[in-house]
Amino acid sequence: MNVEGIISVAGKSGLYKVLGQTKNGVIVQSLMDGKKSPISSNSKMSALQDIAIYTYTEELPLAEVLDKIRVKEAGKPSINHKSSSDVLYAYFKEIIEDYDEDRVYASDIKKLISWYNTL
């Protein structure tokens, strides 16, 4: 799955596509509603292409994890990201058997599943 140019902004829900730069930040478009807005360079932004999931052997890039979910779900939406922690952990274990259970939290899995369903 191609996540290039897609960011998450701390304090804002959803994902955003970077459209361009300004002298004080970036112009983004929400993937949820399509609205364009400026984001200040003071805001904490994370590019999805730079995020990885910890496993016991390596760090697995987020794009690969999203592809694994896409294959498991045959391109359809995943489980609800608001499911209980036990359900989220069991589901994620089906996707990545050797994920590092000490460093991957339920909140990380919720965010990942929410992002997958958005994309």
C-alpha atoms as a PDB file:
ATOM      1  CA  MET A   1       0.000   0.000   0.000  1.00  0.00           C
ATOM      2  CA  ASN A   2       1.398   3.387  -0.963  1.00  0.00           C
ATOM      3  CA  VAL A   3       1.469   5.745   2.024  1.00  0.00           C
ATOM      4  CA  GLU A   4       3.808   8.332   0.525  1.00  0.00           C
ATOM      5  CA  GLY A   5       2.646  11.890   1.207  1.00  0.00           C
ATOM      6  CA  ILE A   6       0.150  10.797   3.887  1.00  0.00           C
ATOM      7  CA  ILE A   7       0.593  12.215   7.387  1.00  0.00           C
ATOM      8  CA  SER A   8      -0.954  12.042  10.817  1.00  0.00           C
ATOM      9  CA  VAL A   9      -1.155  15.246  12.854  1.00  0.00           C
ATOM     10  CA  ALA A  10      -1.035  15.140  16.648  1.00  0.00           C
ATOM     11  CA  GLY A  11      -4.222  16.481  18.178  1.00  0.00           C
ATOM     12  CA  LYS A  12      -6.256  15.987  14.992  1.00  0.00           C
ATOM     13  CA  SER A  13      -8.155  12.867  14.080  1.00  0.00           C
ATOM     14  CA  GLY A  14      -7.793  11.186  10.717  1.00  0.00           C
ATOM     15  CA  LEU A  15      -5.138  11.224   8.040  1.00  0.00           C
ATOM     16  CA  TYR A  16      -4.057  13.990   5.695  1.00  0.00           C
ATOM     17  CA  LYS A  17      -2.489  14.155   2.257  1.00  0.00           C
ATOM     18  CA  VAL A  18       0.236  16.773   1.891  1.00  0.00           C
ATOM     19  CA  LEU A  19      -0.599  19.071  -1.032  1.00  0.00           C
ATOM     20  CA  GLY A  20       2.144  21.669  -0.713  1.00  0.00           C
ATOM     21  CA  GLN A  21       4.317  23.776   1.522  1.00  0.00           C
ATOM     22  CA  THR A  22       3.969  27.262   2.912  1.00  0.00           C
ATOM     23  CA  LYS A  23       6.682  29.272   4.620  1.00  0.00           C
ATOM     24  CA  ASN A  24       5.201  28.330   8.028  1.00  0.00           C
ATOM     25  CA  GLY A  25       4.042  24.763   7.439  1.00  0.00           C
ATOM     26  CA  VAL A  26       2.135  22.641   4.937  1.00  0.00           C
ATOM     27  CA  ILE A  27      -1.213  22.603   3.152  1.00  0.00           C
ATOM     28  CA  VAL A  28      -3.054  19.326   3.676  1.00  0.00           C
ATOM     29  CA  GLN A  29      -6.271  17.712   2.525  1.00  0.00           C
ATOM     30  CA  SER A  30      -8.244  15.521   4.918  1.00  0.00           C
ATOM     31  CA  LEU A  31      -8.794  11.978   3.664  1.00  0.00           C
ATOM     32  CA  MET A  32     -12.029  11.882   5.661  1.00  0.00           C
ATOM     33  CA  ASP A  33     -13.913  14.856   4.252  1.00  0.00           C
ATOM     34  CA  GLY A  34     -11.628  16.303   1.562  1.00  0.00           C
ATOM     35  CA  LYS A  35     -11.290  19.696   3.250  1.00  0.00           C
ATOM     36  CA  LYS A  36      -8.034  21.573   2.727  1.00  0.00           C
ATOM     37  CA  SER A  37      -6.323  23.362   5.588  1.00  0.00           C
ATOM     38  CA  PRO A  38      -2.933  24.723   6.621  1.00  0.00           C
ATOM     39  CA  ILE A  39      -0.926  22.958   9.328  1.00  0.00           C
ATOM     40  CA  SER A  40       1.674  24.961  11.215  1.00  0.00           C
ATOM     41  CA  SER A  41       5.256  23.735  11.320  1.00  0.00           C
ATOM     42  CA  ASN A  42       4.888  23.848  15.126  1.00  0.00           C
ATOM     43  CA  SER A  43       2.402  20.935  14.957  1.00  0.00           C
ATOM     44  CA  LYS A  44       3.748  17.437  15.422  1.00  0.00           C
ATOM     45  CA  MET A  45       3.321  15.599  12.108  1.00  0.00           C
ATOM     46  CA  SER A  46       4.231  11.974  11.391  1.00  0.00           C
ATOM     47  CA  ALA A  47       4.657  10.693   7.844  1.00  0.00           C
ATOM     48  CA  LEU A  48       3.168   7.206   7.570  1.00  0.00           C
ATOM     49  CA  GLN A  49       6.102   6.107   5.409  1.00  0.00           C
ATOM     50  CA  ASP A  50       8.417   6.720   8.401  1.00  0.00           C
ATOM     51  CA  ILE A  51       6.402   4.627  10.887  1.00  0.00           C
ATOM     52  CA  ALA A  52       7.273   1.002  11.654  1.00  0.00           C
ATOM     53  CA  ILE A  53       5.881  -1.717  13.922  1.00  0.00           C
ATOM     54  CA  TYR A  54       8.224  -3.484  16.333  1.00  0.00           C
ATOM     55  CA  THR A  55       8.672  -7.231  15.966  1.00  0.00           C
ATOM     56  CA  TYR A  56      11.088  -9.469  17.834  1.00  0.00           C
ATOM     57  CA  THR A  57      13.412  -9.633  14.804  1.00  0.00           C
ATOM     58  CA  GLU A  58      13.062  -6.272  13.017  1.00  0.00           C
ATOM     59  CA  GLU A  59      10.978  -3.157  12.543  1.00  0.00           C
ATOM     60  CA  LEU A  60       8.279  -3.781   9.940  1.00  0.00           C
ATOM     61  CA  PRO A  61       7.377  -0.699   7.841  1.00  0.00           C
ATOM     62  CA  LEU A  62       3.786   0.455   8.236  1.00  0.00           C
ATOM     63  CA  ALA A  63       3.119   0.055   4.501  1.00  0.00           C
ATOM     64  CA  GLU A  64       3.922  -3.671   4.766  1.00  0.00           C
ATOM     65  CA  VAL A  65       1.634  -4.074   7.793  1.00  0.00           C
ATOM     66  CA  LEU A  66      -1.201  -2.321   5.956  1.00  0.00           C
ATOM     67  CA  ASP A  67      -0.632  -4.644   2.982  1.00  0.00           C
ATOM     68  CA  LYS A  68      -0.875  -7.677   5.272  1.00  0.00           C
ATOM     69  CA  ILE A  69      -4.202  -6.401   6.604  1.00  0.00           C
ATOM     70  CA  ARG A  70      -5.415  -5.732   3.034  1.00  0.00           C
ATOM     71  CA  VAL A  71      -4.542  -9.294   2.003  1.00  0.00           C
ATOM     72  CA  LYS A  72      -6.202 -10.788   5.103  1.00  0.00           C
ATOM     73  CA  GLU A  73      -9.364  -8.739   4.565  1.00  0.00           C
ATOM     74  CA  ALA A  74      -9.337  -9.143   0.748  1.00  0.00           C
ATOM     75  CA  GLY A  75      -9.375  -5.346   0.347  1.00  0.00           C
ATOM     76  CA  LYS A  76     -12.447  -4.884   2.541  1.00  0.00           C
ATOM     77  CA  PRO A  77     -12.640  -2.883   5.787  1.00  0.00           C
ATOM     78  CA  SER A  78     -11.071  -4.376   8.878  1.00  0.00           C
ATOM     79  CA  ILE A  79     -12.557  -4.865  12.353  1.00  0.00           C
ATOM     80  CA  ASN A  80     -13.735  -1.826  14.277  1.00  0.00           C
ATOM     81  CA  HIS A  81     -10.849   0.069  15.850  1.00  0.00           C
ATOM     82  CA  LYS A  82     -13.022   0.620  18.933  1.00  0.00           C
ATOM     83  CA  SER A  83     -13.066  -3.107  19.732  1.00  0.00           C
ATOM     84  CA  SER A  84     -11.806  -4.275  23.130  1.00  0.00           C
ATOM     85  CA  SER A  85      -8.078  -4.566  23.722  1.00  0.00           C
ATOM     86  CA  ASP A  86      -8.273  -8.368  23.811  1.00  0.00           C
ATOM     87  CA  VAL A  87      -9.967  -8.463  20.406  1.00  0.00           C
ATOM     88  CA  LEU A  88      -7.432  -5.997  18.951  1.00  0.00           C
ATOM     89  CA  TYR A  89      -4.453  -7.988  20.241  1.00  0.00           C
ATOM     90  CA  ALA A  90      -5.893 -11.281  18.936  1.00  0.00           C
ATOM     91  CA  TYR A  91      -6.574  -9.717  15.522  1.00  0.00           C
ATOM     92  CA  PHE A  92      -3.105  -8.175  15.309  1.00  0.00           C
ATOM     93  CA  LYS A  93      -1.529 -11.522  16.272  1.00  0.00           C
ATOM     94  CA  GLU A  94      -3.183 -12.969  13.131  1.00  0.00           C
ATOM     95  CA  ILE A  95      -1.576 -10.224  11.030  1.00  0.00           C
ATOM     96  CA  ILE A  96       1.918 -10.224  12.560  1.00  0.00           C
ATOM     97  CA  GLU A  97       2.624 -13.281  14.676  1.00  0.00           C
ATOM     98  CA  ASP A  98       5.934 -12.033  16.086  1.00  0.00           C
ATOM     99  CA  TYR A  99       5.067  -8.424  16.941  1.00  0.00           C
ATOM    100  CA  ASP A 100       6.757  -7.211  20.121  1.00  0.00           C
ATOM    101  CA  GLU A 101       3.992  -7.416  22.714  1.00  0.00           C
ATOM    102  CA  ASP A 102       5.955  -5.232  25.152  1.00  0.00           C
ATOM    103  CA  ARG A 103       6.375  -2.319  22.722  1.00  0.00           C
ATOM    104  CA  VAL A 104       3.162  -2.432  20.635  1.00  0.00           C
ATOM    105  CA  TYR A 105       0.234  -1.152  22.668  1.00  0.00           C
ATOM    106  CA  ALA A 106      -3.525  -1.431  22.160  1.00  0.00           C
ATOM    107  CA  SER A 107      -3.594   2.287  21.290  1.00  0.00           C
ATOM    108  CA  ASP A 108      -1.067   1.640  18.483  1.00  0.00           C
ATOM    109  CA  ILE A 109      -3.214  -1.163  17.083  1.00  0.00           C
ATOM    110  CA  LYS A 110      -6.352   1.013  17.294  1.00  0.00           C
ATOM    111  CA  LYS A 111      -4.609   3.780  15.371  1.00  0.00           C
ATOM    112  CA  LEU A 112      -3.275   1.343  12.769  1.00  0.00           C
ATOM    113  CA  ILE A 113      -6.682  -0.236  12.152  1.00  0.00           C
ATOM    114  CA  SER A 114      -8.330   3.180  11.996  1.00  0.00           C
ATOM    115  CA  TRP A 115      -5.750   4.294   9.419  1.00  0.00           C
ATOM    116  CA  TYR A 116      -6.249   1.122   7.366  1.00  0.00           C
ATOM    117  CA  ASN A 117     -10.020   1.652   7.295  1.00  0.00           C
ATOM    118  CA  THR A 118      -9.516   5.294   6.284  1.00  0.00           C
ATOM    119  CA  LEU A 119      -7.149   4.426   3.450  1.00  0.00           C
END
